[in-house]
Amino acid sequence: MNAGERLIVALDLPALAPALRLVDRLDGLVSFYKVGLELFTAAGPEAVTALVSRGHRVFLDLKLYDVPETVKRAARAAGTLGATFLTVHEAGATVAAAVEGAATTSVGILAVTVLTSMDAGDLSSMGIAGTVNEVVLKRAARAQAAGAAGVIASPLEASAIRKQAGGEFLIVTPGIRPEGGDPGDQKRLATPAAAIAAGADYLVVGRPLKNAPDPRAAAQAIIEQMQSSFAKRPAG
């Protein structure tokens, strides 16, 4: 397992120019980047195509949640842009619609289970019954049944999802912080090594890299931790 291909750097920046400057600083080390709501709103589809034209893979993190026909068409459009993954919320027919729209493209649909900035108290205040783990597992099961390539979930649920879903179902985890790192607004998080050990396939890391004095050195340290953890993980 090449950990360098499993680190997704979040380009959560207000414009394309600073995002590409960060990409340049990580050239040859990182090949997978997240384009989220901030950058996509600022730069539009060019944020995706600029990265794809440089040979990078793109995780288009738009967390779509709309009527099925709209989601289906948006998923198809994401595929034509060259994105590798697209996120949608696991809700109703959303995942199935996205999978249908993406069927003629190579984009994989990832279903968001419960945001890593939320905990049991947040779910309760929204009227959602059950523990975070229970809600995540139910949503992961529905997403898998609807044909999703995988889910977005915190490192704390990765092990349970892996047991439930098997080895082929992808688990992409945000909420990653190096040991002693500032949690910010994240409530369910883990270190890079712990997340991989729990069963995560890809890690999404933003602020610990973009705010680092030396983003390249910070990325290298995370990749090394990931690689060490991958090496200890049982085959299959």
C-alpha atoms as a PDB file:
ATOM      1  CA  MET A   1       0.000   0.000   0.000  1.00  0.00           C
ATOM      2  CA  ASN A   2       1.427   3.379  -1.043  1.00  0.00           C
ATOM      3  CA  ALA A   3       0.369   5.776   1.692  1.00  0.00           C
ATOM      4  CA  GLY A   4       1.317   8.743  -0.458  1.00  0.00           C
ATOM      5  CA  GLU A   5      -1.598   7.906  -2.738  1.00  0.00           C
ATOM      6  CA  ARG A   6      -4.000   7.592   0.205  1.00  0.00           C
ATOM      7  CA  LEU A   7      -3.542  11.064   1.660  1.00  0.00           C
ATOM      8  CA  ILE A   8      -6.100  13.550   0.327  1.00  0.00           C
ATOM      9  CA  VAL A   9      -5.059  17.140   0.973  1.00  0.00           C
ATOM     10  CA  ALA A  10      -8.000  19.484   1.435  1.00  0.00           C
ATOM     11  CA  LEU A  11      -7.603  22.663  -0.588  1.00  0.00           C
ATOM     12  CA  ASP A  12      -9.908  24.671   1.656  1.00  0.00           C
ATOM     13  CA  LEU A  13      -8.776  28.020   0.335  1.00  0.00           C
ATOM     14  CA  PRO A  14     -10.646  31.091  -0.954  1.00  0.00           C
ATOM     15  CA  ALA A  15      -9.279  31.120  -4.508  1.00  0.00           C
ATOM     16  CA  LEU A  16      -7.619  28.870  -7.069  1.00  0.00           C
ATOM     17  CA  ALA A  17      -4.246  30.664  -7.069  1.00  0.00           C
ATOM     18  CA  PRO A  18      -3.349  29.958  -3.407  1.00  0.00           C
ATOM     19  CA  ALA A  19      -4.703  26.432  -3.778  1.00  0.00           C
ATOM     20  CA  LEU A  20      -2.370  25.751  -6.691  1.00  0.00           C
ATOM     21  CA  ARG A  21       0.533  27.265  -4.778  1.00  0.00           C
ATOM     22  CA  LEU A  22      -0.042  24.697  -2.043  1.00  0.00           C
ATOM     23  CA  VAL A  23      -0.230  21.977  -4.704  1.00  0.00           C
ATOM     24  CA  ASP A  24       3.112  23.165  -6.086  1.00  0.00           C
ATOM     25  CA  ARG A  25       4.678  22.952  -2.622  1.00  0.00           C
ATOM     26  CA  LEU A  26       3.528  19.335  -2.362  1.00  0.00           C
ATOM     27  CA  ASP A  27       4.527  18.374  -5.903  1.00  0.00           C
ATOM     28  CA  GLY A  28       5.892  14.840  -6.144  1.00  0.00           C
ATOM     29  CA  LEU A  29       4.703  13.978  -2.639  1.00  0.00           C
ATOM     30  CA  VAL A  30       0.893  14.256  -2.805  1.00  0.00           C
ATOM     31  CA  SER A  31      -1.290  13.334  -5.783  1.00  0.00           C
ATOM     32  CA  PHE A  32      -4.839  13.514  -4.393  1.00  0.00           C
ATOM     33  CA  TYR A  33      -6.631  16.744  -3.485  1.00  0.00           C
ATOM     34  CA  LYS A  34     -10.011  17.717  -2.075  1.00  0.00           C
ATOM     35  CA  VAL A  35     -12.013  20.480  -3.723  1.00  0.00           C
ATOM     36  CA  GLY A  36     -14.725  21.444  -1.278  1.00  0.00           C
ATOM     37  CA  LEU A  37     -17.499  24.006  -1.111  1.00  0.00           C
ATOM     38  CA  GLU A  38     -15.257  27.012  -0.497  1.00  0.00           C
ATOM     39  CA  LEU A  39     -12.910  26.488  -3.430  1.00  0.00           C
ATOM     40  CA  PHE A  40     -15.602  25.201  -5.794  1.00  0.00           C
ATOM     41  CA  THR A  41     -17.778  28.244  -5.038  1.00  0.00           C
ATOM     42  CA  ALA A  42     -14.836  30.571  -5.639  1.00  0.00           C
ATOM     43  CA  ALA A  43     -13.325  28.953  -8.728  1.00  0.00           C
ATOM     44  CA  GLY A  44     -16.011  26.672 -10.130  1.00  0.00           C
ATOM     45  CA  PRO A  45     -15.280  23.608 -12.270  1.00  0.00           C
ATOM     46  CA  GLU A  46     -11.839  25.022 -13.127  1.00  0.00           C
ATOM     47  CA  ALA A  47     -10.735  24.031  -9.641  1.00  0.00           C
ATOM     48  CA  VAL A  48     -11.243  20.408 -10.682  1.00  0.00           C
ATOM     49  CA  THR A  49      -9.987  20.589 -14.254  1.00  0.00           C
ATOM     50  CA  ALA A  50      -6.829  22.481 -13.279  1.00  0.00           C
ATOM     51  CA  LEU A  51      -5.848  19.680 -10.918  1.00  0.00           C
ATOM     52  CA  VAL A  52      -6.808  16.900 -13.328  1.00  0.00           C
ATOM     53  CA  SER A  53      -4.764  18.547 -16.093  1.00  0.00           C
ATOM     54  CA  ARG A  54      -1.731  18.339 -13.788  1.00  0.00           C
ATOM     55  CA  GLY A  55      -2.237  14.607 -13.369  1.00  0.00           C
ATOM     56  CA  HIS A  56      -3.805  14.744  -9.918  1.00  0.00           C
ATOM     57  CA  ARG A  57      -6.880  12.965  -8.611  1.00  0.00           C
ATOM     58  CA  VAL A  58      -9.719  15.050  -7.210  1.00  0.00           C
ATOM     59  CA  PHE A  59     -12.071  14.389  -4.331  1.00  0.00           C
ATOM     60  CA  LEU A  60     -15.024  16.686  -5.095  1.00  0.00           C
ATOM     61  CA  ASP A  61     -16.542  17.224  -1.683  1.00  0.00           C
ATOM     62  CA  LEU A  62     -19.837  18.987  -2.406  1.00  0.00           C
ATOM     63  CA  LYS A  63     -22.030  16.917  -0.056  1.00  0.00           C
ATOM     64  CA  LEU A  64     -24.967  17.007  -2.451  1.00  0.00           C
ATOM     65  CA  TYR A  65     -28.472  16.778  -1.017  1.00  0.00           C
ATOM     66  CA  ASP A  66     -31.307  17.698  -3.353  1.00  0.00           C
ATOM     67  CA  VAL A  67     -34.149  16.164  -5.333  1.00  0.00           C
ATOM     68  CA  PRO A  68     -32.993  12.934  -7.039  1.00  0.00           C
ATOM     69  CA  GLU A  69     -32.987  14.286 -10.603  1.00  0.00           C
ATOM     70  CA  THR A  70     -30.780  17.221  -9.645  1.00  0.00           C
ATOM     71  CA  VAL A  71     -28.361  14.973  -7.780  1.00  0.00           C
ATOM     72  CA  LYS A  72     -28.247  12.545 -10.707  1.00  0.00           C
ATOM     73  CA  ARG A  73     -27.331  15.306 -13.165  1.00  0.00           C
ATOM     74  CA  ALA A  74     -24.776  16.849 -10.836  1.00  0.00           C
ATOM     75  CA  ALA A  75     -23.077  13.476 -10.352  1.00  0.00           C
ATOM     76  CA  ARG A  76     -22.868  13.017 -14.105  1.00  0.00           C
ATOM     77  CA  ALA A  77     -21.332  16.483 -14.456  1.00  0.00           C
ATOM     78  CA  ALA A  78     -18.756  15.719 -11.757  1.00  0.00           C
ATOM     79  CA  GLY A  79     -17.741  12.627 -13.672  1.00  0.00           C
ATOM     80  CA  THR A  80     -17.257  14.554 -16.898  1.00  0.00           C
ATOM     81  CA  LEU A  81     -14.968  16.984 -15.055  1.00  0.00           C
ATOM     82  CA  GLY A  82     -12.679  14.093 -14.198  1.00  0.00           C
ATOM     83  CA  ALA A  83     -13.275  13.905 -10.450  1.00  0.00           C
ATOM     84  CA  THR A  84     -12.378  10.585  -8.819  1.00  0.00           C
ATOM     85  CA  PHE A  85     -14.851  10.838  -5.930  1.00  0.00           C
ATOM     86  CA  LEU A  86     -17.987  12.901  -5.293  1.00  0.00           C
ATOM     87  CA  THR A  87     -19.718  13.201  -1.932  1.00  0.00           C
ATOM     88  CA  VAL A  88     -23.461  13.190  -1.338  1.00  0.00           C
ATOM     89  CA  HIS A  89     -25.413  13.021   1.901  1.00  0.00           C
ATOM     90  CA  GLU A  90     -26.852   9.632   2.788  1.00  0.00           C
ATOM     91  CA  ALA A  91     -30.512  10.626   2.822  1.00  0.00           C
ATOM     92  CA  GLY A  92     -33.507   9.134   1.074  1.00  0.00           C
ATOM     93  CA  ALA A  93     -32.886   8.505  -2.619  1.00  0.00           C
ATOM     94  CA  THR A  94     -29.821  10.759  -2.811  1.00  0.00           C
ATOM     95  CA  VAL A  95     -27.175   8.043  -3.016  1.00  0.00           C
ATOM     96  CA  ALA A  96     -29.060   5.920  -5.552  1.00  0.00           C
ATOM     97  CA  ALA A  97     -29.644   8.997  -7.739  1.00  0.00           C
ATOM     98  CA  ALA A  98     -25.950   9.918  -7.652  1.00  0.00           C
ATOM     99  CA  VAL A  99     -24.902   6.368  -8.472  1.00  0.00           C
ATOM    100  CA  GLU A 100     -27.278   6.362 -11.442  1.00  0.00           C
ATOM    101  CA  GLY A 101     -25.965   9.694 -12.690  1.00  0.00           C
ATOM    102  CA  ALA A 102     -22.349   8.608 -12.347  1.00  0.00           C
ATOM    103  CA  ALA A 103     -22.878   5.278 -14.085  1.00  0.00           C
ATOM    104  CA  THR A 104     -21.568   6.509 -17.449  1.00  0.00           C
ATOM    105  CA  THR A 105     -18.479   8.084 -15.845  1.00  0.00           C
ATOM    106  CA  SER A 106     -15.635   6.897 -13.645  1.00  0.00           C
ATOM    107  CA  VAL A 107     -16.492   9.002 -10.580  1.00  0.00           C
ATOM    108  CA  GLY A 108     -17.132   7.048  -7.395  1.00  0.00           C
ATOM    109  CA  ILE A 109     -19.937   8.113  -5.072  1.00  0.00           C
ATOM    110  CA  LEU A 110     -19.119   8.491  -1.382  1.00  0.00           C
ATOM    111  CA  ALA A 111     -21.948   8.914   1.102  1.00  0.00           C
ATOM    112  CA  VAL A 112     -21.559  11.248   4.065  1.00  0.00           C
ATOM    113  CA  THR A 113     -22.736   9.504   7.229  1.00  0.00           C
ATOM    114  CA  VAL A 114     -22.385  11.935  10.170  1.00  0.00           C
ATOM    115  CA  LEU A 115     -20.163  15.006   9.959  1.00  0.00           C
ATOM    116  CA  THR A 116     -17.038  14.809  12.120  1.00  0.00           C
ATOM    117  CA  SER A 117     -17.974  18.144  13.715  1.00  0.00           C
ATOM    118  CA  MET A 118     -21.046  16.479  15.265  1.00  0.00           C
ATOM    119  CA  ASP A 119     -21.484  14.285  18.330  1.00  0.00           C
ATOM    120  CA  ALA A 120     -24.338  12.520  20.115  1.00  0.00           C
ATOM    121  CA  GLY A 121     -25.660  15.794  21.491  1.00  0.00           C
ATOM    122  CA  ASP A 122     -25.929  17.264  18.008  1.00  0.00           C
ATOM    123  CA  LEU A 123     -27.828  14.233  16.724  1.00  0.00           C
ATOM    124  CA  SER A 124     -30.204  14.368  19.674  1.00  0.00           C
ATOM    125  CA  SER A 125     -30.906  18.064  19.112  1.00  0.00           C
ATOM    126  CA  MET A 126     -31.805  17.216  15.504  1.00  0.00           C
ATOM    127  CA  GLY A 127     -34.251  14.548  16.621  1.00  0.00           C
ATOM    128  CA  ILE A 128     -32.104  11.664  15.375  1.00  0.00           C
ATOM    129  CA  ALA A 129     -32.369   8.617  17.634  1.00  0.00           C
ATOM    130  CA  GLY A 130     -29.466   6.297  18.433  1.00  0.00           C
ATOM    131  CA  THR A 131     -25.786   6.649  19.178  1.00  0.00           C
ATOM    132  CA  VAL A 132     -23.412   8.137  16.623  1.00  0.00           C
ATOM    133  CA  ASN A 133     -22.058   4.674  15.911  1.00  0.00           C
ATOM    134  CA  GLU A 134     -25.528   3.258  15.328  1.00  0.00           C
ATOM    135  CA  VAL A 135     -26.537   6.080  13.007  1.00  0.00           C
ATOM    136  CA  VAL A 136     -23.300   5.838  11.034  1.00  0.00           C
ATOM    137  CA  LEU A 137     -23.632   2.073  10.591  1.00  0.00           C
ATOM    138  CA  LYS A 138     -27.238   2.337   9.436  1.00  0.00           C
ATOM    139  CA  ARG A 139     -26.367   5.018   6.929  1.00  0.00           C
ATOM    140  CA  ALA A 140     -23.321   3.106   5.719  1.00  0.00           C
ATOM    141  CA  ALA A 141     -25.445  -0.004   5.154  1.00  0.00           C
ATOM    142  CA  ARG A 142     -28.010   1.963   3.153  1.00  0.00           C
ATOM    143  CA  ALA A 143     -25.295   3.623   1.095  1.00  0.00           C
ATOM    144  CA  GLN A 144     -23.671   0.294   0.293  1.00  0.00           C
ATOM    145  CA  ALA A 145     -27.041  -1.184  -0.709  1.00  0.00           C
ATOM    146  CA  ALA A 146     -27.626   1.811  -2.999  1.00  0.00           C
ATOM    147  CA  GLY A 147     -24.355   1.193  -4.831  1.00  0.00           C
ATOM    148  CA  ALA A 148     -22.030   3.763  -3.274  1.00  0.00           C
ATOM    149  CA  ALA A 149     -18.291   3.133  -3.588  1.00  0.00           C
ATOM    150  CA  GLY A 150     -17.861   4.000   0.063  1.00  0.00           C
ATOM    151  CA  VAL A 151     -18.606   6.402   2.875  1.00  0.00           C
ATOM    152  CA  ILE A 152     -17.266   9.422   4.672  1.00  0.00           C
ATOM    153  CA  ALA A 153     -17.041   8.663   8.389  1.00  0.00           C
ATOM    154  CA  SER A 154     -14.895   9.592  11.342  1.00  0.00           C
ATOM    155  CA  PRO A 155     -11.976   7.401  12.422  1.00  0.00           C
ATOM    156  CA  LEU A 156     -14.010   6.359  15.464  1.00  0.00           C
ATOM    157  CA  GLU A 157     -16.498   4.414  13.330  1.00  0.00           C
ATOM    158  CA  ALA A 158     -14.061   3.039  10.754  1.00  0.00           C
ATOM    159  CA  SER A 159     -13.504  -0.311  12.458  1.00  0.00           C
ATOM    160  CA  ALA A 160     -17.220  -1.024  12.850  1.00  0.00           C
ATOM    161  CA  ILE A 161     -17.925  -0.054   9.245  1.00  0.00           C
ATOM    162  CA  ARG A 162     -15.132  -2.305   8.017  1.00  0.00           C
ATOM    163  CA  LYS A 163     -16.565  -5.275   9.932  1.00  0.00           C
ATOM    164  CA  GLN A 164     -20.036  -4.599   8.602  1.00  0.00           C
ATOM    165  CA  ALA A 165     -19.242  -3.731   4.995  1.00  0.00           C
ATOM    166  CA  GLY A 166     -16.229  -5.891   4.140  1.00  0.00           C
ATOM    167  CA  GLY A 167     -12.925  -5.074   2.541  1.00  0.00           C
ATOM    168  CA  GLU A 168     -13.991  -3.602  -0.803  1.00  0.00           C
ATOM    169  CA  PHE A 169     -16.169  -0.798   0.572  1.00  0.00           C
ATOM    170  CA  LEU A 170     -14.138   2.421   0.860  1.00  0.00           C
ATOM    171  CA  ILE A 171     -13.857   4.360   4.101  1.00  0.00           C
ATOM    172  CA  VAL A 172     -12.646   7.931   3.723  1.00  0.00           C
ATOM    173  CA  THR A 173     -11.972   9.716   7.000  1.00  0.00           C
ATOM    174  CA  PRO A 174     -11.698  13.402   7.810  1.00  0.00           C
ATOM    175  CA  GLY A 175     -11.194  14.481  11.410  1.00  0.00           C
ATOM    176  CA  ILE A 176      -7.480  13.709  11.236  1.00  0.00           C
ATOM    177  CA  ARG A 177      -5.118  15.483  13.606  1.00  0.00           C
ATOM    178  CA  PRO A 178      -1.450  14.705  14.360  1.00  0.00           C
ATOM    179  CA  GLU A 179      -0.686  13.928  18.010  1.00  0.00           C
ATOM    180  CA  GLY A 180      -1.313  17.071  20.040  1.00  0.00           C
ATOM    181  CA  GLY A 181      -2.871  18.937  17.097  1.00  0.00           C
ATOM    182  CA  ASP A 182      -5.573  21.552  17.544  1.00  0.00           C
ATOM    183  CA  PRO A 183      -8.965  19.838  17.094  1.00  0.00           C
ATOM    184  CA  GLY A 184     -10.641  23.027  15.891  1.00  0.00           C
ATOM    185  CA  ASP A 185     -14.341  22.329  15.252  1.00  0.00           C
ATOM    186  CA  GLN A 186     -13.824  18.579  14.982  1.00  0.00           C
ATOM    187  CA  LYS A 187     -15.403  16.381  17.688  1.00  0.00           C
ATOM    188  CA  ARG A 188     -14.716  12.844  16.446  1.00  0.00           C
ATOM    189  CA  LEU A 189     -11.082  12.578  15.422  1.00  0.00           C
ATOM    190  CA  ALA A 190      -7.910  10.506  15.584  1.00  0.00           C
ATOM    191  CA  THR A 191      -4.270  10.547  14.581  1.00  0.00           C
ATOM    192  CA  PRO A 192      -3.285   9.403  11.066  1.00  0.00           C
ATOM    193  CA  ALA A 193      -1.856   6.123  12.372  1.00  0.00           C
ATOM    194  CA  ALA A 194      -4.934   5.354  14.473  1.00  0.00           C
ATOM    195  CA  ALA A 195      -7.316   6.056  11.594  1.00  0.00           C
ATOM    196  CA  ILE A 196      -5.477   3.685   9.253  1.00  0.00           C
ATOM    197  CA  ALA A 197      -5.269   1.036  11.961  1.00  0.00           C
ATOM    198  CA  ALA A 198      -9.033   1.294  12.415  1.00  0.00           C
ATOM    199  CA  GLY A 199      -9.638   0.469   8.762  1.00  0.00           C
ATOM    200  CA  ALA A 200      -9.664   3.775   6.875  1.00  0.00           C
ATOM    201  CA  ASP A 201      -8.629   3.642   3.209  1.00  0.00           C
ATOM    202  CA  TYR A 202      -8.048   7.368   2.645  1.00  0.00           C
ATOM    203  CA  LEU A 203      -7.411  10.245   5.034  1.00  0.00           C
ATOM    204  CA  VAL A 204      -8.542  13.804   4.333  1.00  0.00           C
ATOM    205  CA  VAL A 205      -6.289  16.401   5.963  1.00  0.00           C
ATOM    206  CA  GLY A 206      -6.658  20.150   5.626  1.00  0.00           C
ATOM    207  CA  ARG A 207      -5.805  22.607   8.381  1.00  0.00           C
ATOM    208  CA  PRO A 208      -2.869  20.649   9.874  1.00  0.00           C
ATOM    209  CA  LEU A 209      -1.178  21.009   6.475  1.00  0.00           C
ATOM    210  CA  LYS A 210      -2.265  24.364   5.104  1.00  0.00           C
ATOM    211  CA  ASN A 211      -1.565  26.072   8.455  1.00  0.00           C
ATOM    212  CA  ALA A 212       1.778  24.343   8.983  1.00  0.00           C
ATOM    213  CA  PRO A 213       4.995  26.425   8.722  1.00  0.00           C
ATOM    214  CA  ASP A 214       6.249  23.782   6.285  1.00  0.00           C
ATOM    215  CA  PRO A 215       3.288  21.995   4.628  1.00  0.00           C
ATOM    216  CA  ARG A 216       5.559  19.607   2.768  1.00  0.00           C
ATOM    217  CA  ALA A 217       7.315  18.439   5.922  1.00  0.00           C
ATOM    218  CA  ALA A 218       3.955  18.098   7.678  1.00  0.00           C
ATOM    219  CA  ALA A 219       2.562  16.030   4.788  1.00  0.00           C
ATOM    220  CA  GLN A 220       5.659  13.832   4.749  1.00  0.00           C
ATOM    221  CA  ALA A 221       5.285  13.136   8.468  1.00  0.00           C
ATOM    222  CA  ILE A 222       1.633  12.151   8.031  1.00  0.00           C
ATOM    223  CA  ILE A 223       2.437   9.885   5.081  1.00  0.00           C
ATOM    224  CA  GLU A 224       5.144   8.144   7.102  1.00  0.00           C
ATOM    225  CA  GLN A 225       2.710   7.527   9.955  1.00  0.00           C
ATOM    226  CA  MET A 226       0.132   6.198   7.510  1.00  0.00           C
ATOM    227  CA  GLN A 227       2.678   3.925   5.826  1.00  0.00           C
ATOM    228  CA  SER A 228       3.775   2.460   9.138  1.00  0.00           C
ATOM    229  CA  SER A 229       0.164   1.778  10.109  1.00  0.00           C
ATOM    230  CA  PHE A 230      -0.690   0.240   6.724  1.00  0.00           C
ATOM    231  CA  ALA A 231       2.281  -2.113   7.141  1.00  0.00           C
ATOM    232  CA  LYS A 232       0.873  -3.406  10.440  1.00  0.00           C
ATOM    233  CA  ARG A 233      -2.663  -3.888   9.168  1.00  0.00           C
ATOM    234  CA  PRO A 234      -3.713  -7.501   8.498  1.00  0.00           C
ATOM    235  CA  ALA A 235      -3.951  -8.415   4.810  1.00  0.00           C
ATOM    236  CA  GLY A 236      -7.482  -8.513   3.414  1.00  0.00           C
END
